[in-house]
């Protein structure tokens, strides 16, 4: 009887540990604001891109010089450097910038350097006889960009005990490729106050 009771206790304990150690996944909206660690995240990337591009396209360089032209300006996003002490996926931020620019309907967009390399290789394959003559896309018909957007992401961290302040600054510059003139300079600052329980430090 005692042996049976001991086995039942072991079984109950095993079931309890199994149920406590499981993983729970909850789906949330991709537009929701989630800050678990206080580090740069997808919400920061999306909101900063939208705010900065909207500011850029509302400034005199566009309203006075480009808005009433027959053809909208063509933009390419150059390098956005991560100068912070965090690992930040800059490619995600660049895609958020590109998406906001294209969706504005105020500018046209051309492929970046890496994408152009792939496209040129595809054209070479076509011209080598791998595609029907009527569908071949000849080289030399690319649209050149009028403007280039470049920038950087910087951080400053201040910590005392279990309290930390993270400061992010995103700087973007819009440059006219023909003249090297800087048409717009913008920045966006984010400050996060983070506290952690002492038991986890």
Protein backbone atom coordinates (compact mmCIF):
# COMPACT_ATOMS: atom_id res chain seq x y z
CA UNK A 1 0.00 0.00 0.00
CA UNK A 2 2.84 2.37 0.92
CA UNK A 3 4.59 1.55 -2.37
CA UNK A 4 1.41 2.38 -4.32
CA UNK A 5 1.03 5.70 -2.46
CA UNK A 6 4.64 6.62 -3.20
CA UNK A 7 4.14 5.88 -6.90
CA UNK A 8 1.01 8.03 -6.98
CA UNK A 9 2.91 10.91 -5.34
CA UNK A 10 5.71 10.66 -7.89
CA UNK A 11 3.18 10.62 -10.75
CA UNK A 12 1.35 13.66 -9.37
CA UNK A 13 4.61 15.55 -8.93
CA UNK A 14 5.67 14.72 -12.49
CA UNK A 15 2.37 15.95 -13.90
CA UNK A 16 2.63 19.16 -11.86
CA UNK A 17 6.17 19.88 -13.06
CA UNK A 18 5.22 19.13 -16.67
CA UNK A 19 2.26 21.49 -16.57
CA UNK A 20 4.35 24.29 -14.99
CA UNK A 21 7.21 23.95 -17.47
CA UNK A 22 5.15 24.25 -20.66
CA UNK A 23 5.48 27.10 -23.19
CA UNK A 24 2.54 29.42 -23.74
CA UNK A 25 2.29 31.45 -26.96
CA UNK A 26 -0.20 34.28 -27.37
CA UNK A 27 -0.70 35.94 -30.74
CA UNK A 28 -0.84 39.74 -30.64
CA UNK A 29 -1.41 42.45 -33.23
CA UNK A 30 1.71 43.33 -35.23
CA UNK A 31 0.78 47.01 -34.69
CA UNK A 32 0.67 46.66 -30.91
CA UNK A 33 3.34 48.35 -28.80
CA UNK A 34 5.45 45.74 -26.99
CA UNK A 35 8.49 46.70 -24.93
CA UNK A 36 9.90 43.72 -23.04
CA UNK A 37 13.57 44.64 -22.69
CA UNK A 38 13.54 48.37 -23.40
CA UNK A 39 15.76 47.86 -26.44
CA UNK A 40 15.07 49.11 -29.98
CA UNK A 41 12.23 47.04 -31.41
CA UNK A 42 9.81 46.74 -34.33
CA UNK A 43 7.50 49.44 -32.93
CA UNK A 44 10.37 51.93 -32.72
CA UNK A 45 11.42 51.10 -36.28
CA UNK A 46 7.94 51.54 -37.74
CA UNK A 47 6.95 54.69 -35.85
CA UNK A 48 10.29 56.45 -36.39
CA UNK A 49 10.24 55.68 -40.13
CA UNK A 50 6.69 56.96 -40.54
CA UNK A 51 7.23 60.13 -38.51
CA UNK A 52 10.52 61.06 -40.15
CA UNK A 53 9.39 60.42 -43.74
CA UNK A 54 6.18 62.38 -43.17
CA UNK A 55 8.28 65.27 -41.85
CA UNK A 56 10.70 65.00 -44.77
CA UNK A 57 7.95 65.17 -47.40
CA UNK A 58 6.32 68.21 -45.76
CA UNK A 59 9.41 70.43 -45.96
CA UNK A 60 10.29 73.21 -48.48
CA UNK A 61 12.61 71.06 -50.61
CA UNK A 62 9.54 69.09 -51.74
CA UNK A 63 6.78 71.72 -51.53
CA UNK A 64 8.78 74.41 -53.39
CA UNK A 65 10.95 72.42 -55.80
CA UNK A 66 9.46 69.03 -56.53
CA UNK A 67 5.72 68.99 -55.76
CA UNK A 68 4.61 70.64 -59.01
CA UNK A 69 7.05 68.86 -61.35
CA UNK A 70 5.65 66.59 -64.04
CA UNK A 71 7.71 63.65 -62.78
CA UNK A 72 8.00 62.93 -59.05
CA UNK A 73 11.52 62.76 -57.59
CA UNK A 74 13.19 59.36 -57.55
CA UNK A 75 14.74 58.33 -54.24
CA UNK A 76 17.09 55.59 -53.13
CA UNK A 77 17.91 54.71 -49.52
CA UNK A 78 21.64 54.47 -48.97
CA UNK A 79 23.40 53.33 -45.80
CA UNK A 80 21.82 53.74 -42.40
CA UNK A 81 24.64 53.05 -39.94
CA UNK A 82 24.10 51.45 -36.56
CA UNK A 83 26.40 53.46 -34.29
CA UNK A 84 24.65 52.26 -31.15
CA UNK A 85 25.94 49.75 -28.62
CA UNK A 86 22.98 47.46 -29.41
CA UNK A 87 22.52 44.94 -32.17
CA UNK A 88 19.89 46.67 -34.33
CA UNK A 89 18.55 45.11 -37.51
CA UNK A 90 19.08 48.13 -39.76
CA UNK A 91 17.61 46.31 -42.78
CA UNK A 92 14.20 46.22 -41.09
CA UNK A 93 14.37 49.97 -40.48
CA UNK A 94 15.41 50.62 -44.09
CA UNK A 95 12.43 48.58 -45.33
CA UNK A 96 10.14 50.64 -43.09
CA UNK A 97 11.59 53.81 -44.65
CA UNK A 98 11.13 52.44 -48.18
CA UNK A 99 7.56 51.33 -47.47
CA UNK A 100 6.60 54.74 -46.08
CA UNK A 101 8.21 56.55 -49.03
CA UNK A 102 6.47 54.40 -51.65
CA UNK A 103 3.10 54.49 -49.91
CA UNK A 104 3.21 58.30 -49.70
CA UNK A 105 2.63 58.48 -53.47
CA UNK A 106 4.84 61.58 -53.59
CA UNK A 107 8.06 59.99 -54.82
CA UNK A 108 9.26 57.14 -56.97
CA UNK A 109 11.69 54.56 -55.74
CA UNK A 110 14.55 52.64 -57.34
CA UNK A 111 16.19 49.40 -56.28
CA UNK A 112 19.17 49.60 -53.94
CA UNK A 113 22.71 48.51 -54.83
CA UNK A 114 22.31 44.82 -53.90
CA UNK A 115 18.95 44.58 -55.67
CA UNK A 116 20.38 46.19 -58.84
CA UNK A 117 23.16 43.59 -58.94
CA UNK A 118 20.54 40.82 -58.93
CA UNK A 119 18.46 42.57 -61.61
CA UNK A 120 21.47 43.09 -63.88
CA UNK A 121 22.37 39.41 -63.56
CA UNK A 122 18.81 38.52 -64.55
CA UNK A 123 19.07 40.78 -67.63
CA UNK A 124 22.36 39.13 -68.61
CA UNK A 125 20.70 35.71 -68.34
CA UNK A 126 17.87 36.90 -70.59
CA UNK A 127 20.23 38.32 -73.19
CA UNK A 128 22.22 35.09 -73.21
CA UNK A 129 19.31 33.40 -74.92
CA UNK A 130 17.50 32.06 -71.87
CA UNK A 131 14.29 34.01 -72.56
CA UNK A 132 12.02 34.57 -75.55
CA UNK A 133 13.12 37.56 -77.66
CA UNK A 134 9.91 39.49 -77.08
CA UNK A 135 10.33 39.28 -73.28
CA UNK A 136 14.04 40.21 -73.03
CA UNK A 137 14.72 43.33 -70.91
CA UNK A 138 17.77 45.05 -72.36
CA UNK A 139 20.44 46.71 -70.23
CA UNK A 140 20.84 50.47 -70.19
CA UNK A 141 17.24 51.36 -69.37
CA UNK A 142 17.56 51.84 -65.62
CA UNK A 143 16.11 54.92 -63.93
CA UNK A 144 18.70 56.90 -62.02
CA UNK A 145 17.89 58.29 -58.61
CA UNK A 146 17.59 62.04 -58.02
CA UNK A 147 17.95 61.86 -54.26
CA UNK A 148 19.59 59.63 -51.66
CA UNK A 149 18.49 59.14 -48.06
CA UNK A 150 21.24 58.22 -45.59
CA UNK A 151 21.47 58.18 -41.82
CA UNK A 152 22.53 56.68 -38.52
CA UNK A 153 21.17 55.33 -35.24
CA UNK A 154 22.93 56.34 -32.01
CA UNK A 155 22.35 55.45 -28.37
CA UNK A 156 23.28 56.70 -24.91
CA UNK A 157 22.74 54.45 -21.88
CA UNK A 158 22.60 55.70 -18.28
CA UNK A 159 22.27 53.16 -15.48
CA UNK A 160 22.23 53.26 -11.69
CA UNK A 161 21.38 50.12 -9.77
CA UNK A 162 18.20 48.56 -11.12
CA UNK A 163 17.19 51.70 -13.04
CA UNK A 164 18.24 52.47 -16.59
CA UNK A 165 17.55 55.18 -19.15
CA UNK A 166 18.02 54.37 -22.84
CA UNK A 167 18.27 57.28 -25.26
CA UNK A 168 18.03 56.70 -29.01
CA UNK A 169 18.66 59.28 -31.71
CA UNK A 170 17.96 58.60 -35.38
CA UNK A 171 19.45 61.09 -37.86
CA UNK A 172 18.51 61.10 -41.54
CA UNK A 173 19.74 63.30 -44.40
CA UNK A 174 18.29 63.72 -47.89
CA UNK A 175 20.95 64.60 -50.48
CA UNK A 176 20.54 65.64 -54.11
CA UNK A 177 22.82 63.30 -56.06
CA UNK A 178 23.59 65.71 -58.93
CA UNK A 179 24.73 68.61 -56.74
CA UNK A 180 25.52 66.92 -53.37
CA UNK A 181 23.23 69.48 -51.74
CA UNK A 182 21.63 68.45 -48.46
CA UNK A 183 17.94 69.19 -48.91
CA UNK A 184 16.67 67.97 -45.55
CA UNK A 185 18.10 66.89 -42.20
CA UNK A 186 15.83 65.31 -39.62
CA UNK A 187 16.16 63.54 -36.31
CA UNK A 188 13.95 61.60 -33.98
CA UNK A 189 14.70 61.00 -30.31
CA UNK A 190 13.34 58.25 -28.09
CA UNK A 191 13.95 57.96 -24.34
CA UNK A 192 13.00 54.85 -22.35
CA UNK A 193 13.01 54.48 -18.56
CA UNK A 194 13.56 50.87 -17.55
CA UNK A 195 13.39 49.32 -14.08
CA UNK A 196 14.24 45.72 -13.17
CA UNK A 197 13.62 43.80 -9.99
CA UNK A 198 16.80 43.45 -7.91
CA UNK A 199 16.36 39.69 -7.80
CA UNK A 200 16.97 39.51 -11.55
CA UNK A 201 20.12 41.65 -11.59
